[in-house]
C-alpha cells in the first residue's frame, strides 16, 4: 500500500515503565513525521509513578478499553484527552485500561533531539 505504514501492536514488544504499566512504541518520530505513537497498558490498580508532566510536547490520548482516571475524573472508552504542553496529571486505573497515545512533536523538537544525541 503506497503511502501507508502498518503496525500491529501485538507484534511490538512491551516495555515496562513502572509497576503495572507497559508501553509499546508503535512508531518513532522521523523528520518526515515528527510524532511518536504508543500504546500504553495499565494493569488493574496501576498508578503512574509520580506526576506525568508534559514538558516536551502535547499528549493526545484515546481510551481504547477500561477506565483511565486522573485529577480530571474517570475517562471511559472512546474518550479523547488532549494534554497540552506544560500540563500535568497522575494517571491511574482501578480496573486496568489500554490507551492509544500520540505525541505530536514539532520538527524543531525532533531536530534538537537529533543534535543532542549526536553530541
N, C-alpha and C. Protein backbone atom coordinates (compact mmCIF):
# COMPACT_ATOMS: atom_id res chain seq x y z
N UNK A 1 0.85 -1.18 0.00
CA UNK A 1 0.00 0.00 0.00
C UNK A 1 0.89 1.23 0.00
N UNK A 2 0.98 1.86 -1.10
CA UNK A 2 1.83 3.02 -1.25
C UNK A 2 1.34 4.18 -0.38
N UNK A 3 2.27 4.78 0.36
CA UNK A 3 1.93 5.93 1.18
C UNK A 3 1.40 5.59 2.56
N UNK A 4 1.32 4.31 2.89
CA UNK A 4 0.80 3.90 4.19
C UNK A 4 1.84 3.07 4.93
N UNK A 5 1.83 3.16 6.25
CA UNK A 5 2.63 2.30 7.11
C UNK A 5 1.67 1.55 8.01
N UNK A 6 1.95 0.28 8.22
CA UNK A 6 1.10 -0.53 9.08
C UNK A 6 1.90 -1.06 10.25
N UNK A 7 1.25 -1.16 11.39
CA UNK A 7 1.89 -1.71 12.58
C UNK A 7 0.83 -2.40 13.41
N UNK A 8 1.10 -3.62 13.80
CA UNK A 8 0.19 -4.36 14.66
C UNK A 8 0.78 -4.32 16.07
N UNK A 9 0.04 -3.75 17.02
CA UNK A 9 0.54 -3.58 18.39
C UNK A 9 1.01 -4.90 18.99
N UNK A 10 0.34 -5.98 18.66
CA UNK A 10 0.72 -7.28 19.24
C UNK A 10 2.07 -7.77 18.71
N UNK A 11 2.57 -7.18 17.61
CA UNK A 11 3.88 -7.55 17.07
C UNK A 11 5.02 -6.76 17.70
N UNK A 12 4.69 -5.77 18.51
CA UNK A 12 5.69 -4.90 19.13
C UNK A 12 5.88 -5.32 20.59
N UNK A 13 7.14 -5.55 21.01
CA UNK A 13 7.35 -5.95 22.40
C UNK A 13 6.97 -4.84 23.38
N UNK A 14 6.37 -5.23 24.49
CA UNK A 14 6.00 -4.28 25.54
C UNK A 14 7.21 -4.02 26.43
N UNK A 15 7.32 -2.78 26.88
CA UNK A 15 8.40 -2.40 27.78
C UNK A 15 7.76 -1.85 29.05
N UNK A 16 8.10 -2.44 30.20
CA UNK A 16 7.59 -1.96 31.46
C UNK A 16 8.24 -0.64 31.83
N UNK A 17 7.43 0.36 32.17
CA UNK A 17 7.99 1.65 32.54
C UNK A 17 7.73 1.98 34.01
N UNK A 18 6.86 1.22 34.63
CA UNK A 18 6.52 1.41 36.04
C UNK A 18 5.74 0.17 36.47
N UNK A 19 5.54 0.00 37.75
CA UNK A 19 4.80 -1.15 38.26
C UNK A 19 3.41 -1.20 37.63
N UNK A 20 3.16 -2.23 36.81
CA UNK A 20 1.84 -2.42 36.22
C UNK A 20 1.56 -1.57 34.98
N UNK A 21 2.58 -0.89 34.46
CA UNK A 21 2.39 -0.04 33.28
C UNK A 21 3.38 -0.44 32.20
N UNK A 22 2.83 -0.76 31.02
CA UNK A 22 3.67 -1.16 29.89
C UNK A 22 3.40 -0.25 28.69
N UNK A 23 4.44 -0.07 27.89
CA UNK A 23 4.35 0.76 26.69
C UNK A 23 4.83 -0.03 25.50
N UNK A 24 4.14 0.10 24.40
CA UNK A 24 4.57 -0.44 23.11
C UNK A 24 4.73 0.75 22.19
N UNK A 25 5.95 0.99 21.73
CA UNK A 25 6.20 2.09 20.80
C UNK A 25 5.84 1.60 19.40
N UNK A 26 4.77 2.15 18.87
CA UNK A 26 4.27 1.72 17.56
C UNK A 26 4.94 2.48 16.42
N UNK A 27 5.39 3.70 16.70
CA UNK A 27 6.09 4.48 15.68
C UNK A 27 6.93 5.54 16.35
N UNK A 28 8.20 5.55 15.97
CA UNK A 28 9.12 6.58 16.45
C UNK A 28 9.03 7.80 15.54
N UNK A 29 9.33 8.99 16.06
CA UNK A 29 9.29 10.18 15.21
C UNK A 29 10.42 10.17 14.18
N UNK A 30 10.15 10.75 13.02
CA UNK A 30 11.15 10.90 11.97
C UNK A 30 11.09 12.34 11.47
N UNK A 31 12.03 12.70 10.60
CA UNK A 31 12.00 14.05 10.01
C UNK A 31 10.70 14.29 9.24
N UNK A 32 10.23 13.26 8.54
CA UNK A 32 9.03 13.41 7.73
C UNK A 32 7.73 13.36 8.55
N UNK A 33 7.77 12.68 9.70
CA UNK A 33 6.59 12.52 10.54
C UNK A 33 7.03 12.63 12.00
N UNK A 34 7.16 13.88 12.50
CA UNK A 34 7.74 14.06 13.83
C UNK A 34 6.76 13.82 14.98
N UNK A 35 6.14 12.65 14.99
CA UNK A 35 5.24 12.28 16.08
C UNK A 35 5.55 10.86 16.53
N UNK A 36 5.44 10.63 17.82
CA UNK A 36 5.60 9.29 18.36
C UNK A 36 4.21 8.74 18.66
N UNK A 37 4.00 7.46 18.36
CA UNK A 37 2.72 6.82 18.61
C UNK A 37 2.98 5.61 19.50
N UNK A 38 2.25 5.51 20.60
CA UNK A 38 2.46 4.41 21.54
C UNK A 38 1.12 3.85 22.01
N UNK A 39 1.17 2.61 22.47
CA UNK A 39 0.06 2.00 23.18
C UNK A 39 0.51 1.85 24.62
N UNK A 40 -0.30 2.30 25.55
CA UNK A 40 0.02 2.21 26.97
C UNK A 40 -1.02 1.33 27.63
N UNK A 41 -0.56 0.35 28.41
CA UNK A 41 -1.46 -0.53 29.16
C UNK A 41 -1.22 -0.35 30.64
N UNK A 42 -2.29 -0.08 31.36
CA UNK A 42 -2.23 -0.01 32.83
C UNK A 42 -2.96 -1.22 33.37
N UNK A 43 -2.29 -2.01 34.18
CA UNK A 43 -2.91 -3.18 34.81
C UNK A 43 -3.88 -2.69 35.89
N UNK A 44 -4.82 -3.53 36.32
CA UNK A 44 -5.71 -3.12 37.39
C UNK A 44 -4.93 -2.67 38.62
N UNK A 45 -5.29 -1.49 39.13
CA UNK A 45 -4.64 -0.94 40.31
C UNK A 45 -3.37 -0.16 40.04
N UNK A 46 -2.94 -0.07 38.77
CA UNK A 46 -1.69 0.64 38.45
C UNK A 46 -1.86 2.14 38.62
N UNK A 47 -0.78 2.76 39.14
CA UNK A 47 -0.73 4.21 39.32
C UNK A 47 0.59 4.70 38.75
N UNK A 48 0.55 5.78 37.97
CA UNK A 48 1.76 6.37 37.41
C UNK A 48 2.70 6.73 38.54
N UNK A 49 3.97 6.46 38.35
CA UNK A 49 4.98 6.74 39.36
C UNK A 49 5.29 8.23 39.36
N UNK A 50 4.71 8.97 40.28
CA UNK A 50 4.90 10.42 40.33
C UNK A 50 3.92 11.14 39.43
N UNK A 51 4.26 12.37 39.12
CA UNK A 51 3.40 13.20 38.28
C UNK A 51 3.85 13.08 36.83
N UNK A 52 2.90 12.86 35.91
CA UNK A 52 3.19 12.80 34.49
C UNK A 52 3.12 14.22 33.95
N UNK A 53 4.27 14.78 33.67
CA UNK A 53 4.36 16.17 33.23
C UNK A 53 4.71 16.21 31.75
N UNK A 54 3.94 16.96 30.98
CA UNK A 54 4.13 17.02 29.53
C UNK A 54 4.95 18.25 29.19
N UNK A 55 6.27 18.12 29.31
CA UNK A 55 7.15 19.27 29.11
C UNK A 55 7.59 19.43 27.67
N UNK A 56 7.74 18.33 26.92
CA UNK A 56 8.28 18.40 25.56
C UNK A 56 7.23 18.53 24.47
N UNK A 57 6.04 18.06 24.72
CA UNK A 57 5.04 18.03 23.64
C UNK A 57 3.65 17.88 24.23
N UNK A 58 2.68 18.13 23.38
CA UNK A 58 1.31 17.83 23.75
C UNK A 58 1.17 16.31 23.82
N UNK A 59 0.12 15.84 24.46
CA UNK A 59 -0.16 14.41 24.53
C UNK A 59 -1.62 14.23 24.15
N UNK A 60 -1.87 13.38 23.16
CA UNK A 60 -3.23 13.09 22.73
C UNK A 60 -3.50 11.64 23.07
N UNK A 61 -4.50 11.40 23.91
CA UNK A 61 -4.80 10.06 24.42
C UNK A 61 -6.22 9.67 24.04
N UNK A 62 -6.37 8.47 23.53
CA UNK A 62 -7.71 7.89 23.33
C UNK A 62 -7.80 6.65 24.19
N UNK A 63 -8.81 6.60 25.04
CA UNK A 63 -9.03 5.42 25.88
C UNK A 63 -9.65 4.35 24.99
N UNK A 64 -8.92 3.23 24.83
CA UNK A 64 -9.38 2.14 23.97
C UNK A 64 -10.28 1.19 24.76
N UNK A 65 -9.84 0.84 25.97
CA UNK A 65 -10.64 -0.05 26.82
C UNK A 65 -10.36 0.25 28.28
N UNK A 66 -11.26 -0.17 29.15
CA UNK A 66 -11.09 0.06 30.58
C UNK A 66 -11.40 1.51 30.94
N UNK A 67 -10.93 1.90 32.13
CA UNK A 67 -11.17 3.26 32.61
C UNK A 67 -9.86 3.86 33.09
N UNK A 68 -9.50 5.00 32.52
CA UNK A 68 -8.34 5.77 32.96
C UNK A 68 -8.85 6.86 33.90
N UNK A 69 -8.19 7.02 35.04
CA UNK A 69 -8.58 8.06 35.99
C UNK A 69 -7.41 8.99 36.24
N UNK A 70 -7.73 10.24 36.52
CA UNK A 70 -6.74 11.21 36.95
C UNK A 70 -7.47 12.31 37.71
N UNK A 71 -6.80 13.41 37.96
CA UNK A 71 -7.42 14.50 38.71
C UNK A 71 -8.62 15.12 38.01
N UNK A 72 -8.78 14.84 36.72
CA UNK A 72 -9.90 15.38 35.95
C UNK A 72 -11.09 14.45 35.87
N UNK A 73 -11.00 13.28 36.51
CA UNK A 73 -12.13 12.36 36.53
C UNK A 73 -11.80 10.99 35.96
N UNK A 74 -12.87 10.26 35.63
CA UNK A 74 -12.76 8.91 35.07
C UNK A 74 -13.06 9.00 33.57
N UNK A 75 -12.17 8.42 32.77
CA UNK A 75 -12.27 8.52 31.32
C UNK A 75 -12.50 7.13 30.74
N UNK A 76 -13.62 6.96 30.07
CA UNK A 76 -14.06 5.65 29.56
C UNK A 76 -13.71 5.48 28.08
N UNK A 77 -13.88 4.26 27.55
CA UNK A 77 -13.55 4.00 26.14
C UNK A 77 -14.19 5.02 25.20
N UNK A 78 -13.40 5.46 24.24
CA UNK A 78 -13.86 6.44 23.27
C UNK A 78 -13.50 7.87 23.65
N UNK A 79 -13.14 8.10 24.91
CA UNK A 79 -12.77 9.44 25.34
C UNK A 79 -11.42 9.83 24.75
N UNK A 80 -11.32 11.05 24.27
CA UNK A 80 -10.06 11.60 23.78
C UNK A 80 -9.66 12.73 24.73
N UNK A 81 -8.43 12.66 25.21
CA UNK A 81 -7.90 13.63 26.16
C UNK A 81 -6.71 14.31 25.50
N UNK A 82 -6.68 15.63 25.50
CA UNK A 82 -5.54 16.37 24.98
C UNK A 82 -4.85 17.06 26.15
N UNK A 83 -3.65 16.61 26.45
CA UNK A 83 -2.83 17.25 27.48
C UNK A 83 -1.89 18.21 26.79
N UNK A 84 -2.09 19.50 27.01
CA UNK A 84 -1.26 20.49 26.34
C UNK A 84 0.13 20.56 26.98
N UNK A 85 1.10 21.02 26.22
CA UNK A 85 2.46 21.17 26.72
C UNK A 85 2.39 21.97 28.03
N UNK A 86 3.06 21.45 29.05
CA UNK A 86 3.06 22.08 30.37
C UNK A 86 2.00 21.53 31.31
N UNK A 87 1.09 20.71 30.80
CA UNK A 87 0.06 20.13 31.67
C UNK A 87 0.65 18.98 32.48
N UNK A 88 -0.03 18.60 33.54
CA UNK A 88 0.43 17.51 34.40
C UNK A 88 -0.76 16.82 35.05
N UNK A 89 -0.58 15.53 35.32
CA UNK A 89 -1.61 14.75 35.99
C UNK A 89 -0.97 13.47 36.52
N UNK A 90 -1.76 12.71 37.28
CA UNK A 90 -1.29 11.42 37.80
C UNK A 90 -2.25 10.33 37.33
N UNK A 91 -1.94 9.69 36.19
CA UNK A 91 -2.83 8.65 35.66
C UNK A 91 -2.86 7.42 36.55
N UNK A 92 -4.02 6.78 36.59
CA UNK A 92 -4.19 5.54 37.34
C UNK A 92 -5.39 4.79 36.76
N UNK A 93 -5.51 3.52 37.12
CA UNK A 93 -6.66 2.76 36.65
C UNK A 93 -7.00 1.67 37.66
N UNK A 94 -8.16 1.75 38.25
CA UNK A 94 -8.61 0.74 39.21
C UNK A 94 -8.87 -0.60 38.53
N UNK A 95 -9.44 -0.56 37.32
CA UNK A 95 -9.80 -1.81 36.63
C UNK A 95 -8.85 -2.19 35.50
N UNK A 96 -7.90 -1.30 35.20
CA UNK A 96 -6.99 -1.52 34.08
C UNK A 96 -7.52 -0.82 32.84
N UNK A 97 -6.62 -0.47 31.93
CA UNK A 97 -7.04 0.18 30.70
C UNK A 97 -5.95 0.09 29.64
N UNK A 98 -6.35 0.32 28.40
CA UNK A 98 -5.43 0.40 27.27
C UNK A 98 -5.66 1.76 26.61
N UNK A 99 -4.55 2.45 26.32
CA UNK A 99 -4.61 3.78 25.75
C UNK A 99 -3.84 3.83 24.43
N UNK A 100 -4.33 4.61 23.49
CA UNK A 100 -3.62 4.90 22.25
C UNK A 100 -3.16 6.35 22.39
N UNK A 101 -1.83 6.57 22.33
CA UNK A 101 -1.28 7.89 22.64
C UNK A 101 -0.43 8.40 21.48
N UNK A 102 -0.62 9.67 21.14
CA UNK A 102 0.19 10.33 20.11
C UNK A 102 0.86 11.54 20.75
N UNK A 103 2.17 11.63 20.55
CA UNK A 103 2.94 12.80 20.95
C UNK A 103 3.33 13.54 19.67
N UNK A 104 2.60 14.60 19.32
CA UNK A 104 2.87 15.30 18.06
C UNK A 104 4.02 16.30 18.20
N UNK A 105 5.24 15.78 18.16
CA UNK A 105 6.42 16.63 18.29
C UNK A 105 6.53 17.54 17.08
N UNK A 106 7.16 18.67 17.29
CA UNK A 106 7.40 19.58 16.17
C UNK A 106 8.71 19.20 15.50
N UNK A 107 8.89 19.66 14.28
CA UNK A 107 10.15 19.40 13.58
C UNK A 107 11.32 20.03 14.34
N UNK A 108 11.08 21.18 14.99
CA UNK A 108 12.13 21.83 15.75
C UNK A 108 12.54 20.96 16.94
N UNK A 109 11.57 20.33 17.62
CA UNK A 109 11.88 19.46 18.75
C UNK A 109 12.71 18.27 18.27
N UNK A 110 12.29 17.66 17.17
CA UNK A 110 13.00 16.49 16.64
C UNK A 110 14.43 16.87 16.24
N UNK A 111 14.59 18.02 15.60
CA UNK A 111 15.92 18.47 15.20
C UNK A 111 16.81 18.68 16.43
N UNK A 112 16.26 19.25 17.49
CA UNK A 112 17.02 19.46 18.73
C UNK A 112 17.43 18.12 19.34
N UNK A 113 16.53 17.14 19.35
CA UNK A 113 16.83 15.83 19.92
C UNK A 113 17.93 15.14 19.11
N UNK A 114 17.89 15.28 17.79
CA UNK A 114 18.91 14.68 16.93
C UNK A 114 20.28 15.30 17.22
N UNK A 115 20.31 16.62 17.38
CA UNK A 115 21.57 17.30 17.71
C UNK A 115 22.09 16.86 19.07
N UNK A 116 21.21 16.73 20.06
CA UNK A 116 21.63 16.29 21.40
C UNK A 116 22.19 14.87 21.38
N UNK A 117 21.56 13.99 20.60
CA UNK A 117 22.01 12.60 20.52
C UNK A 117 23.38 12.50 19.85
N UNK A 118 23.65 13.40 18.92
CA UNK A 118 24.92 13.38 18.19
C UNK A 118 26.06 13.99 19.02
N UNK A 119 25.73 14.79 20.01
CA UNK A 119 26.77 15.49 20.81
C UNK A 119 27.51 14.55 21.74
